[in-house]
Amino acid sequence: MIPVYAHRYLPAGRDTSAHPVLSIHSLHDTIVYGLDLADYIDQEFRTAEVSAPFWRDYI
């Protein structure tokens, strides 16, 4: 596994393009966080767009 950010990892090996980014917290908690590195970066670091003024204060 190649560390990407915090507990996010890419599977190692040849031709690692289009491999999912995994969130691994312990041996029992592994989920897919992005379909590939570009999708993960979009999901993790984009800013939330909130249209309701009330929620803007909390995001």
N, C-alpha and C. Protein backbone atom coordinates (compact mmCIF):
# COMPACT_ATOMS: atom_id res chain seq x y z
N MET A 1 0.85 -1.18 0.00
CA MET A 1 0.00 0.00 0.00
C MET A 1 0.90 1.24 0.00
N ILE A 2 0.49 2.21 -0.80
CA ILE A 2 1.22 3.47 -0.89
C ILE A 2 0.41 4.53 -0.15
N PRO A 3 0.98 5.14 0.90
CA PRO A 3 0.23 6.16 1.64
C PRO A 3 0.00 7.39 0.77
N VAL A 4 -1.21 7.93 0.84
CA VAL A 4 -1.57 9.12 0.06
C VAL A 4 -1.77 10.30 0.99
N TYR A 5 -2.64 10.15 1.98
CA TYR A 5 -2.96 11.23 2.91
C TYR A 5 -3.64 10.61 4.13
N ALA A 6 -3.13 10.94 5.31
CA ALA A 6 -3.68 10.39 6.56
C ALA A 6 -3.76 8.87 6.47
N HIS A 7 -4.93 8.30 6.55
CA HIS A 7 -5.06 6.83 6.47
C HIS A 7 -5.68 6.42 5.14
N ARG A 8 -5.34 7.16 4.07
CA ARG A 8 -5.79 6.82 2.71
C ARG A 8 -4.61 6.21 1.96
N TYR A 9 -4.87 5.16 1.21
CA TYR A 9 -3.81 4.41 0.54
C TYR A 9 -4.21 4.01 -0.88
N LEU A 10 -3.19 3.89 -1.73
CA LEU A 10 -3.34 3.32 -3.07
C LEU A 10 -2.71 1.94 -3.06
N PRO A 11 -3.33 0.96 -3.70
CA PRO A 11 -2.69 -0.35 -3.81
C PRO A 11 -1.40 -0.23 -4.63
N ALA A 12 -0.35 -0.87 -4.18
CA ALA A 12 0.95 -0.83 -4.87
C ALA A 12 0.97 -1.86 -5.99
N GLY A 13 1.89 -1.68 -6.91
CA GLY A 13 2.07 -2.63 -7.99
C GLY A 13 2.20 -1.94 -9.32
N ARG A 14 2.38 -2.72 -10.34
CA ARG A 14 2.51 -2.18 -11.68
C ARG A 14 1.16 -1.66 -12.17
N ASP A 15 1.25 -0.67 -13.04
CA ASP A 15 0.05 -0.09 -13.64
C ASP A 15 -0.97 0.29 -12.58
N THR A 16 -0.58 1.20 -11.70
CA THR A 16 -1.46 1.59 -10.60
C THR A 16 -2.47 2.66 -11.01
N SER A 17 -2.55 2.97 -12.29
CA SER A 17 -3.57 3.92 -12.71
C SER A 17 -4.95 3.26 -12.61
N ALA A 18 -5.92 4.04 -12.26
CA ALA A 18 -7.30 3.58 -12.12
C ALA A 18 -7.50 2.58 -10.99
N HIS A 19 -6.62 2.60 -10.01
CA HIS A 19 -6.83 1.79 -8.81
C HIS A 19 -7.57 2.63 -7.78
N PRO A 20 -8.42 2.03 -6.98
CA PRO A 20 -9.18 2.80 -6.00
C PRO A 20 -8.29 3.30 -4.86
N VAL A 21 -8.69 4.41 -4.27
CA VAL A 21 -8.05 4.90 -3.06
C VAL A 21 -8.83 4.32 -1.90
N LEU A 22 -8.13 3.67 -0.99
CA LEU A 22 -8.77 2.99 0.14
C LEU A 22 -8.52 3.75 1.43
N SER A 23 -9.50 3.76 2.29
CA SER A 23 -9.36 4.29 3.63
C SER A 23 -9.23 3.08 4.55
N ILE A 24 -8.08 2.96 5.20
CA ILE A 24 -7.83 1.80 6.06
C ILE A 24 -7.56 2.31 7.47
N HIS A 25 -8.49 2.03 8.37
CA HIS A 25 -8.36 2.48 9.76
C HIS A 25 -7.81 1.39 10.65
N SER A 26 -8.25 0.21 10.48
CA SER A 26 -7.75 -0.94 11.21
C SER A 26 -7.97 -2.14 10.30
N LEU A 27 -7.72 -3.30 10.79
CA LEU A 27 -7.91 -4.49 9.95
C LEU A 27 -9.37 -4.71 9.60
N HIS A 28 -10.27 -4.12 10.35
CA HIS A 28 -11.69 -4.37 10.16
C HIS A 28 -12.43 -3.23 9.47
N ASP A 29 -11.76 -2.12 9.21
CA ASP A 29 -12.44 -0.94 8.66
C ASP A 29 -11.73 -0.46 7.41
N THR A 30 -12.13 -0.97 6.26
CA THR A 30 -11.56 -0.58 4.98
C THR A 30 -12.70 -0.24 4.03
N ILE A 31 -12.65 0.98 3.47
CA ILE A 31 -13.68 1.39 2.52
C ILE A 31 -13.01 2.08 1.33
N VAL A 32 -13.71 2.12 0.22
CA VAL A 32 -13.23 2.81 -0.98
C VAL A 32 -13.58 4.28 -0.85
N TYR A 33 -12.57 5.15 -0.98
CA TYR A 33 -12.79 6.59 -0.85
C TYR A 33 -12.77 7.30 -2.18
N GLY A 34 -12.32 6.63 -3.23
CA GLY A 34 -12.32 7.21 -4.56
C GLY A 34 -12.08 6.13 -5.59
N LEU A 35 -12.66 6.30 -6.77
CA LEU A 35 -12.49 5.30 -7.83
C LEU A 35 -11.06 5.27 -8.35
N ASP A 36 -10.38 6.42 -8.30
CA ASP A 36 -8.97 6.54 -8.64
C ASP A 36 -8.45 7.78 -7.90
N LEU A 37 -7.19 8.12 -8.12
CA LEU A 37 -6.59 9.22 -7.37
C LEU A 37 -7.29 10.55 -7.67
N ALA A 38 -7.62 10.80 -8.92
CA ALA A 38 -8.30 12.06 -9.28
C ALA A 38 -9.67 12.16 -8.61
N ASP A 39 -10.43 11.08 -8.60
CA ASP A 39 -11.74 11.06 -7.96
C ASP A 39 -11.60 11.28 -6.45
N TYR A 40 -10.60 10.65 -5.85
CA TYR A 40 -10.36 10.82 -4.41
C TYR A 40 -10.05 12.28 -4.07
N ILE A 41 -9.17 12.91 -4.84
CA ILE A 41 -8.80 14.30 -4.56
C ILE A 41 -10.03 15.20 -4.67
N ASP A 42 -10.86 14.94 -5.66
CA ASP A 42 -12.09 15.72 -5.81
C ASP A 42 -13.02 15.52 -4.61
N GLN A 43 -13.18 14.30 -4.15
CA GLN A 43 -14.06 14.00 -3.02
C GLN A 43 -13.52 14.56 -1.71
N GLU A 44 -12.22 14.44 -1.49
CA GLU A 44 -11.63 14.79 -0.20
C GLU A 44 -11.43 16.30 -0.01
N PHE A 45 -11.05 17.01 -1.06
CA PHE A 45 -10.60 18.39 -0.90
C PHE A 45 -11.48 19.45 -1.53
N ARG A 46 -12.59 19.09 -2.16
CA ARG A 46 -13.45 20.12 -2.72
C ARG A 46 -14.23 20.80 -1.59
N THR A 47 -14.63 22.03 -1.84
CA THR A 47 -15.39 22.75 -0.83
C THR A 47 -16.87 22.47 -1.02
N ALA A 48 -17.57 22.41 0.05
CA ALA A 48 -19.01 22.13 0.00
C ALA A 48 -19.76 23.36 -0.50
N GLU A 49 -20.73 23.13 -1.37
CA GLU A 49 -21.57 24.21 -1.86
C GLU A 49 -22.92 24.10 -1.15
N VAL A 50 -23.18 25.07 -0.32
CA VAL A 50 -24.41 25.06 0.47
C VAL A 50 -25.25 26.26 0.07
N SER A 51 -26.50 25.99 -0.26
CA SER A 51 -27.36 27.09 -0.69
C SER A 51 -28.14 27.71 0.47
N ALA A 52 -28.36 26.98 1.55
CA ALA A 52 -29.10 27.51 2.69
C ALA A 52 -28.16 28.33 3.58
N PRO A 53 -28.47 29.61 3.82
CA PRO A 53 -27.59 30.46 4.63
C PRO A 53 -27.33 29.90 6.03
N PHE A 54 -28.32 29.25 6.62
CA PHE A 54 -28.15 28.70 7.98
C PHE A 54 -27.00 27.70 8.04
N TRP A 55 -26.90 26.80 7.06
CA TRP A 55 -25.88 25.76 7.09
C TRP A 55 -24.49 26.26 6.73
N ARG A 56 -24.38 27.39 6.07
CA ARG A 56 -23.06 27.94 5.73
C ARG A 56 -22.23 28.19 6.97
N ASP A 57 -22.88 28.54 8.07
CA ASP A 57 -22.16 28.81 9.32
C ASP A 57 -21.54 27.55 9.93
N TYR A 58 -22.03 26.39 9.55
CA TYR A 58 -21.60 25.14 10.18
C TYR A 58 -20.73 24.28 9.29
N ILE A 59 -20.55 24.65 8.03
CA ILE A 59 -19.72 23.84 7.12
C ILE A 59 -18.43 24.55 6.85
